[in-house]
C-alpha cells in the first residue's frame, strides 16, 4: 500500500525529524519512538494511549540521507516481517512524504503520519529547527535555546 502526505517543511527537515526519536515522538504524538540512520539501527514507534495500543518495530536496512529510509518492520519480536519505506521528495520549498508498506499492523503509524494534527505538529517542530531552537514536546512551546 502507498500513501503520500504534503509536509510543511523542507525535505532535509522532514528527514531529520524521521531520524530523531524525540522529534519523531513529538510529531506523531506517540508514547515513545526510537530511530536513527545507521544500518541495522532500531526503528520503533509505540502508542499506548489509544485503544487498542499499537507498535511498529524493526531495523533500518537502507537509507539515503535526506531522501529515504527503509525499515524491515514487525509488530512484535516473533511476528512476520514486512517492508516499510519512507521516501521524501521535494515539491517547491516543501516536501512530500511517500509511505509504502505491506503489513496491516503498520496502518496506525501511517494514519498518524498523514493526520492533519500531525502535520500541524510537524510545522511547529520545523519552525523551531529553522530558528535554531530545540523542540521540547512536553513544554508549553516556550522558546528554548538548542543545547550546544
N, C-alpha and C. Protein backbone atom coordinates (compact mmCIF):
# COMPACT_ATOMS: atom_id res chain seq x y z
N UNK A 1 0.84 -1.16 0.00
CA UNK A 1 0.00 0.00 0.00
C UNK A 1 0.89 1.23 0.00
N UNK A 2 0.37 2.31 -0.54
CA UNK A 2 1.13 3.56 -0.62
C UNK A 2 0.23 4.72 -0.21
N UNK A 3 0.76 5.60 0.61
CA UNK A 3 0.09 6.86 0.95
C UNK A 3 1.10 7.98 0.83
N UNK A 4 0.63 9.16 0.47
CA UNK A 4 1.50 10.33 0.43
C UNK A 4 0.87 11.44 1.26
N UNK A 5 1.74 12.30 1.76
CA UNK A 5 1.27 13.46 2.53
C UNK A 5 2.20 14.63 2.22
N UNK A 6 1.61 15.79 1.99
CA UNK A 6 2.39 17.01 1.81
C UNK A 6 2.82 17.50 3.18
N UNK A 7 4.11 17.75 3.31
CA UNK A 7 4.65 18.18 4.59
C UNK A 7 4.97 19.67 4.58
N UNK A 8 4.81 20.34 5.72
CA UNK A 8 5.03 21.78 5.80
C UNK A 8 6.48 22.15 6.08
N UNK A 9 7.40 21.42 5.48
CA UNK A 9 8.82 21.66 5.74
C UNK A 9 9.65 21.20 4.55
N UNK A 10 10.92 21.54 4.58
CA UNK A 10 11.84 21.12 3.53
C UNK A 10 12.18 19.64 3.72
N UNK A 11 12.62 18.97 2.64
CA UNK A 11 12.97 17.55 2.76
C UNK A 11 14.00 17.25 3.85
N UNK A 12 15.04 18.07 3.97
CA UNK A 12 16.07 17.81 4.98
C UNK A 12 15.49 17.90 6.39
N UNK A 13 14.54 18.82 6.62
CA UNK A 13 13.91 18.94 7.93
C UNK A 13 13.05 17.71 8.22
N UNK A 14 12.30 17.27 7.22
CA UNK A 14 11.47 16.08 7.40
C UNK A 14 12.34 14.87 7.72
N UNK A 15 13.44 14.73 7.02
CA UNK A 15 14.36 13.60 7.26
C UNK A 15 14.94 13.67 8.66
N UNK A 16 15.30 14.88 9.10
CA UNK A 16 15.89 15.00 10.44
C UNK A 16 14.88 14.64 11.52
N UNK A 17 13.60 14.92 11.29
CA UNK A 17 12.57 14.55 12.26
C UNK A 17 12.37 13.03 12.26
N UNK A 18 12.38 12.42 11.08
CA UNK A 18 12.23 10.96 10.99
C UNK A 18 13.37 10.22 11.67
N UNK A 19 14.53 10.84 11.75
CA UNK A 19 15.70 10.16 12.30
C UNK A 19 16.06 10.64 13.71
N UNK A 20 15.20 11.40 14.34
CA UNK A 20 15.43 11.87 15.71
C UNK A 20 14.27 11.37 16.58
N UNK A 21 14.54 10.52 17.56
CA UNK A 21 13.44 9.93 18.33
C UNK A 21 12.58 10.93 19.09
N UNK A 22 13.15 11.98 19.63
CA UNK A 22 12.37 12.97 20.37
C UNK A 22 11.45 13.73 19.43
N UNK A 23 11.99 14.17 18.30
CA UNK A 23 11.17 14.91 17.33
C UNK A 23 10.11 14.00 16.70
N UNK A 24 10.48 12.75 16.41
CA UNK A 24 9.52 11.82 15.82
C UNK A 24 8.35 11.57 16.78
N UNK A 25 8.65 11.33 18.05
CA UNK A 25 7.59 11.12 19.04
C UNK A 25 6.71 12.35 19.18
N UNK A 26 7.31 13.54 19.14
CA UNK A 26 6.53 14.78 19.23
C UNK A 26 5.67 14.98 17.99
N UNK A 27 6.22 14.71 16.80
CA UNK A 27 5.47 14.86 15.56
C UNK A 27 4.24 13.96 15.56
N UNK A 28 4.42 12.71 15.95
CA UNK A 28 3.33 11.75 15.88
C UNK A 28 2.49 11.69 17.15
N UNK A 29 2.94 12.41 18.20
CA UNK A 29 2.24 12.41 19.48
C UNK A 29 2.03 10.99 19.98
N UNK A 30 3.13 10.24 20.05
CA UNK A 30 3.09 8.85 20.50
C UNK A 30 3.81 8.70 21.83
N UNK A 31 3.62 7.56 22.45
CA UNK A 31 4.23 7.27 23.74
C UNK A 31 5.75 7.30 23.66
N UNK A 32 6.32 6.64 22.64
CA UNK A 32 7.77 6.63 22.50
C UNK A 32 8.17 6.31 21.07
N UNK A 33 9.40 6.69 20.75
CA UNK A 33 9.96 6.39 19.43
C UNK A 33 11.46 6.17 19.59
N UNK A 34 11.98 5.28 18.78
CA UNK A 34 13.41 5.05 18.69
C UNK A 34 13.73 5.01 17.21
N UNK A 35 14.69 5.80 16.80
CA UNK A 35 15.02 5.82 15.38
C UNK A 35 16.44 6.33 15.20
N UNK A 36 16.95 6.17 14.03
CA UNK A 36 18.29 6.62 13.69
C UNK A 36 18.55 6.30 12.23
N UNK A 37 19.75 6.61 11.76
CA UNK A 37 20.02 6.40 10.35
C UNK A 37 21.09 5.36 10.06
N UNK A 38 21.62 4.73 11.07
CA UNK A 38 22.63 3.71 10.82
C UNK A 38 21.96 2.43 10.33
N UNK A 39 22.66 1.72 9.44
CA UNK A 39 22.16 0.42 9.02
C UNK A 39 22.01 -0.44 10.27
N UNK A 40 20.94 -1.18 10.34
CA UNK A 40 20.59 -2.03 11.47
C UNK A 40 20.30 -1.25 12.75
N UNK A 41 20.00 0.03 12.62
CA UNK A 41 19.56 0.81 13.77
C UNK A 41 18.10 0.46 14.03
N UNK A 42 17.73 0.39 15.27
CA UNK A 42 16.36 0.06 15.65
C UNK A 42 15.43 1.19 15.23
N UNK A 43 14.28 0.84 14.69
CA UNK A 43 13.20 1.78 14.40
C UNK A 43 11.99 1.26 15.16
N UNK A 44 11.45 2.10 16.04
CA UNK A 44 10.29 1.66 16.81
C UNK A 44 9.42 2.87 17.14
N UNK A 45 8.12 2.71 16.94
CA UNK A 45 7.14 3.71 17.34
C UNK A 45 6.08 2.97 18.16
N UNK A 46 5.83 3.46 19.37
CA UNK A 46 4.91 2.80 20.29
C UNK A 46 3.85 3.81 20.73
N UNK A 47 2.59 3.40 20.67
CA UNK A 47 1.49 4.23 21.15
C UNK A 47 0.67 3.41 22.14
N UNK A 48 0.72 3.81 23.40
CA UNK A 48 -0.01 3.09 24.45
C UNK A 48 -1.24 3.86 24.92
N UNK A 49 -1.42 5.10 24.42
CA UNK A 49 -2.52 5.94 24.90
C UNK A 49 -3.83 5.67 24.17
N UNK A 50 -3.78 4.92 23.07
CA UNK A 50 -5.00 4.65 22.31
C UNK A 50 -5.53 3.26 22.64
N UNK A 51 -6.77 3.03 22.28
CA UNK A 51 -7.34 1.70 22.45
C UNK A 51 -7.82 1.24 21.08
N UNK A 52 -7.18 0.28 20.50
CA UNK A 52 -6.10 -0.53 21.06
C UNK A 52 -4.74 0.17 20.93
N UNK A 53 -3.85 -0.19 21.83
CA UNK A 53 -2.46 0.28 21.73
C UNK A 53 -1.84 -0.37 20.49
N UNK A 54 -0.78 0.25 19.95
CA UNK A 54 -0.12 -0.32 18.77
C UNK A 54 1.36 0.00 18.80
N UNK A 55 2.11 -0.76 18.01
CA UNK A 55 3.53 -0.50 17.86
C UNK A 55 4.00 -1.02 16.51
N UNK A 56 5.02 -0.36 16.01
CA UNK A 56 5.73 -0.80 14.81
C UNK A 56 7.20 -0.81 15.19
N UNK A 57 7.85 -1.95 15.00
CA UNK A 57 9.26 -2.03 15.35
C UNK A 57 10.01 -2.75 14.24
N UNK A 58 11.29 -2.47 14.16
CA UNK A 58 12.10 -3.12 13.15
C UNK A 58 13.49 -2.54 13.13
N UNK A 59 14.17 -2.74 12.02
CA UNK A 59 15.52 -2.21 11.87
C UNK A 59 15.61 -1.47 10.54
N UNK A 60 16.43 -0.43 10.53
CA UNK A 60 16.72 0.30 9.30
C UNK A 60 17.66 -0.59 8.48
N UNK A 61 17.25 -0.93 7.26
CA UNK A 61 18.08 -1.78 6.42
C UNK A 61 18.73 -1.01 5.28
N UNK A 62 18.25 0.20 5.02
CA UNK A 62 18.85 1.04 3.98
C UNK A 62 18.40 2.48 4.21
N UNK A 63 19.27 3.42 3.87
CA UNK A 63 18.86 4.82 3.93
C UNK A 63 19.66 5.63 2.92
N UNK A 64 19.05 6.70 2.45
CA UNK A 64 19.69 7.71 1.62
C UNK A 64 19.46 9.03 2.34
N UNK A 65 20.51 9.67 2.81
CA UNK A 65 20.39 10.88 3.60
C UNK A 65 19.48 11.90 2.92
N UNK A 66 18.58 12.45 3.70
CA UNK A 66 17.60 13.47 3.29
C UNK A 66 16.59 12.98 2.26
N UNK A 67 16.55 11.67 1.96
CA UNK A 67 15.63 11.19 0.94
C UNK A 67 14.81 9.96 1.33
N UNK A 68 15.45 8.93 1.90
CA UNK A 68 14.72 7.68 2.08
C UNK A 68 15.24 6.87 3.26
N UNK A 69 14.29 6.19 3.92
CA UNK A 69 14.62 5.24 4.98
C UNK A 69 13.79 3.99 4.71
N UNK A 70 14.47 2.84 4.67
CA UNK A 70 13.79 1.56 4.51
C UNK A 70 13.94 0.76 5.80
N UNK A 71 12.82 0.25 6.27
CA UNK A 71 12.78 -0.49 7.53
C UNK A 71 12.23 -1.88 7.27
N UNK A 72 12.83 -2.87 7.90
CA UNK A 72 12.24 -4.21 7.95
C UNK A 72 11.44 -4.23 9.24
N UNK A 73 10.12 -4.15 9.13
CA UNK A 73 9.26 -3.91 10.29
C UNK A 73 8.49 -5.16 10.70
N UNK A 74 8.10 -5.15 11.96
CA UNK A 74 7.23 -6.20 12.50
C UNK A 74 6.47 -5.60 13.68
N UNK A 75 5.40 -6.28 14.06
CA UNK A 75 4.59 -5.78 15.17
C UNK A 75 5.18 -6.19 16.52
N UNK A 76 5.63 -7.42 16.62
CA UNK A 76 6.26 -7.94 17.83
C UNK A 76 7.49 -8.74 17.43
N UNK A 77 8.26 -9.17 18.41
CA UNK A 77 9.51 -9.87 18.12
C UNK A 77 9.34 -11.09 17.22
N UNK A 78 8.27 -11.82 17.37
CA UNK A 78 8.12 -13.07 16.62
C UNK A 78 7.08 -12.98 15.50
N UNK A 79 6.61 -11.80 15.20
CA UNK A 79 5.61 -11.61 14.15
C UNK A 79 6.28 -11.60 12.78
N UNK A 80 5.50 -11.81 11.71
CA UNK A 80 6.07 -11.74 10.35
C UNK A 80 6.62 -10.34 10.07
N UNK A 81 7.68 -10.30 9.28
CA UNK A 81 8.31 -9.04 8.91
C UNK A 81 7.68 -8.51 7.63
N UNK A 82 7.80 -7.21 7.44
CA UNK A 82 7.33 -6.60 6.22
C UNK A 82 8.08 -5.31 5.96
N UNK A 83 8.19 -4.91 4.69
CA UNK A 83 8.90 -3.68 4.38
C UNK A 83 8.08 -2.44 4.73
N UNK A 84 8.79 -1.40 5.12
CA UNK A 84 8.20 -0.09 5.40
C UNK A 84 9.20 0.93 4.87
N UNK A 85 8.78 1.72 3.89
CA UNK A 85 9.69 2.66 3.25
C UNK A 85 9.13 4.07 3.33
N UNK A 86 9.97 4.99 3.78
CA UNK A 86 9.65 6.41 3.81
C UNK A 86 10.49 7.08 2.74
N UNK A 87 9.85 7.72 1.76
CA UNK A 87 10.58 8.43 0.71
C UNK A 87 10.15 9.88 0.74
N UNK A 88 11.13 10.77 0.80
CA UNK A 88 10.86 12.21 0.88
C UNK A 88 11.31 12.84 -0.43
N UNK A 89 10.39 13.51 -1.09
CA UNK A 89 10.69 14.19 -2.36
C UNK A 89 10.43 15.68 -2.21
N UNK A 90 11.25 16.52 -2.84
CA UNK A 90 10.99 17.95 -2.79
C UNK A 90 9.80 18.32 -3.68
N UNK A 91 9.06 19.30 -3.24
CA UNK A 91 7.99 19.89 -4.05
C UNK A 91 8.01 21.38 -3.75
N UNK A 92 8.71 22.12 -4.60
CA UNK A 92 8.96 23.53 -4.30
C UNK A 92 9.88 23.62 -3.11
N UNK A 93 9.50 24.43 -2.12
CA UNK A 93 10.31 24.56 -0.90
C UNK A 93 9.85 23.59 0.18
N UNK A 94 8.91 22.75 -0.15
CA UNK A 94 8.36 21.81 0.84
C UNK A 94 8.65 20.38 0.42
N UNK A 95 8.17 19.45 1.21
CA UNK A 95 8.44 18.04 0.95
C UNK A 95 7.14 17.26 0.83
N UNK A 96 7.23 16.17 0.10
CA UNK A 96 6.15 15.19 0.03
C UNK A 96 6.71 13.89 0.59
N UNK A 97 6.00 13.31 1.54
CA UNK A 97 6.41 12.04 2.13
C UNK A 97 5.55 10.94 1.53
N UNK A 98 6.22 9.95 0.95
CA UNK A 98 5.52 8.76 0.46
C UNK A 98 5.85 7.61 1.41
N UNK A 99 4.81 6.93 1.85
CA UNK A 99 4.97 5.81 2.77
C UNK A 99 4.48 4.55 2.06
N UNK A 100 5.33 3.54 1.98
CA UNK A 100 4.97 2.26 1.36
C UNK A 100 5.07 1.16 2.41
N UNK A 101 4.09 0.27 2.43
CA UNK A 101 4.11 -0.83 3.39
C UNK A 101 3.22 -1.96 2.88
N UNK A 102 3.39 -3.13 3.48
CA UNK A 102 2.59 -4.30 3.10
C UNK A 102 1.76 -4.85 4.25
N UNK A 103 2.29 -4.82 5.46
CA UNK A 103 1.63 -5.45 6.60
C UNK A 103 0.58 -4.52 7.22
N UNK A 104 -0.57 -5.08 7.55
CA UNK A 104 -1.69 -4.31 8.08
C UNK A 104 -1.37 -3.61 9.41
N UNK A 105 -0.51 -4.20 10.23
CA UNK A 105 -0.22 -3.62 11.54
C UNK A 105 0.46 -2.25 11.43
N UNK A 106 0.98 -1.89 10.25
CA UNK A 106 1.65 -0.60 10.05
C UNK A 106 0.65 0.53 9.85
N UNK A 107 -0.58 0.21 9.51
CA UNK A 107 -1.60 1.22 9.19
C UNK A 107 -1.78 2.29 10.28
N UNK A 108 -1.82 1.97 11.59
CA UNK A 108 -1.96 3.04 12.59
C UNK A 108 -0.83 4.07 12.52
N UNK A 109 0.39 3.62 12.25
CA UNK A 109 1.52 4.55 12.10
C UNK A 109 1.29 5.45 10.89
N UNK A 110 0.89 4.88 9.77
CA UNK A 110 0.65 5.66 8.56
C UNK A 110 -0.47 6.67 8.80
N UNK A 111 -1.55 6.22 9.41
CA UNK A 111 -2.67 7.13 9.70
C UNK A 111 -2.23 8.29 10.58
N UNK A 112 -1.37 8.01 11.54
CA UNK A 112 -0.86 9.07 12.42
C UNK A 112 -0.01 10.05 11.63
N UNK A 113 0.79 9.55 10.69
CA UNK A 113 1.68 10.43 9.91
C UNK A 113 0.91 11.35 8.97
N UNK A 114 -0.22 10.90 8.45
CA UNK A 114 -0.96 11.71 7.50
C UNK A 114 -2.09 12.52 8.16
N UNK A 115 -2.27 12.35 9.45
CA UNK A 115 -3.30 13.07 10.19
C UNK A 115 -3.02 14.58 10.16
N UNK A 116 -4.04 15.42 9.90
CA UNK A 116 -3.83 16.87 9.86
C UNK A 116 -3.20 17.44 11.13
N UNK A 117 -3.54 16.91 12.31
CA UNK A 117 -2.93 17.40 13.55
C UNK A 117 -1.44 17.10 13.60
N UNK A 118 -1.05 15.96 13.04
CA UNK A 118 0.38 15.62 12.98
C UNK A 118 1.11 16.57 12.06
N UNK A 119 0.48 16.95 10.96
CA UNK A 119 1.10 17.89 10.03
C UNK A 119 1.32 19.24 10.72
N UNK A 120 0.34 19.67 11.53
CA UNK A 120 0.49 20.92 12.28
C UNK A 120 1.65 20.80 13.28
N UNK A 121 1.73 19.68 13.99
CA UNK A 121 2.84 19.49 14.93
C UNK A 121 4.18 19.51 14.21
N UNK A 122 4.25 18.88 13.04
CA UNK A 122 5.49 18.88 12.27
C UNK A 122 5.87 20.30 11.86
N UNK A 123 4.89 21.11 11.51
CA UNK A 123 5.17 22.50 11.15
C UNK A 123 5.77 23.26 12.33
N UNK A 124 5.25 23.05 13.53
CA UNK A 124 5.81 23.70 14.72
C UNK A 124 7.25 23.25 14.97
N UNK A 125 7.50 21.96 14.84
CA UNK A 125 8.86 21.44 15.01
C UNK A 125 9.79 22.03 13.97
N UNK A 126 9.33 22.10 12.74
CA UNK A 126 10.13 22.64 11.64
C UNK A 126 10.47 24.11 11.88
N UNK A 127 9.51 24.88 12.37
CA UNK A 127 9.76 26.29 12.66
C UNK A 127 10.84 26.42 13.73
N UNK A 128 10.79 25.57 14.74
CA UNK A 128 11.82 25.59 15.78
C UNK A 128 13.19 25.27 15.19
N UNK A 129 13.24 24.28 14.30
CA UNK A 129 14.51 23.91 13.68
C UNK A 129 15.09 25.07 12.89
N UNK A 130 14.23 25.76 12.13
CA UNK A 130 14.70 26.89 11.31
C UNK A 130 15.21 28.03 12.17
N UNK A 131 14.62 28.20 13.36
CA UNK A 131 15.06 29.28 14.26
C UNK A 131 16.26 28.86 15.10
N UNK A 132 16.71 27.62 14.93
CA UNK A 132 17.83 27.14 15.72
C UNK A 132 17.46 26.84 17.16
N UNK A 133 16.19 26.61 17.40
CA UNK A 133 15.71 26.33 18.75
C UNK A 133 15.44 24.84 18.89
N UNK A 134 15.61 24.33 20.08
CA UNK A 134 15.27 22.94 20.36
C UNK A 134 13.76 22.83 20.54
N UNK A 135 13.23 21.70 20.21
CA UNK A 135 11.80 21.47 20.40
C UNK A 135 11.63 20.54 21.59
N UNK A 136 10.98 21.03 22.62
CA UNK A 136 10.73 20.24 23.82
C UNK A 136 9.25 19.90 23.84
N UNK A 137 8.90 18.65 23.52
CA UNK A 137 7.49 18.30 23.35
C UNK A 137 6.64 18.44 24.60
N UNK A 138 7.20 18.36 25.78
CA UNK A 138 6.41 18.46 26.99
C UNK A 138 6.39 19.87 27.57
N UNK A 139 6.96 20.82 26.83
CA UNK A 139 6.96 22.20 27.31
C UNK A 139 5.68 22.88 26.86
N UNK A 140 5.54 24.12 27.24
CA UNK A 140 4.39 24.90 26.80
C UNK A 140 4.73 25.63 25.51
N UNK A 141 5.58 25.02 24.69
CA UNK A 141 6.03 25.58 23.41
C UNK A 141 6.83 26.85 23.61
N UNK A 142 7.41 27.02 24.79
CA UNK A 142 8.28 28.17 25.01
C UNK A 142 9.56 28.01 24.20
N UNK A 143 10.17 29.11 23.88
CA UNK A 143 11.43 29.08 23.15
C UNK A 143 12.54 28.64 24.09
N UNK A 144 13.25 27.61 23.72
CA UNK A 144 14.39 27.13 24.50
C UNK A 144 15.60 27.13 23.58
N UNK A 145 16.74 27.59 24.05
CA UNK A 145 17.92 27.53 23.20
C UNK A 145 18.33 26.08 22.96
N UNK A 146 18.83 25.80 21.77
CA UNK A 146 19.32 24.46 21.48
C UNK A 146 20.51 24.15 22.35
N UNK A 147 20.61 22.92 22.83
CA UNK A 147 21.80 22.56 23.61
C UNK A 147 23.02 22.59 22.72
N UNK A 148 24.14 23.02 23.27
CA UNK A 148 25.37 23.13 22.47
C UNK A 148 26.02 21.79 22.31
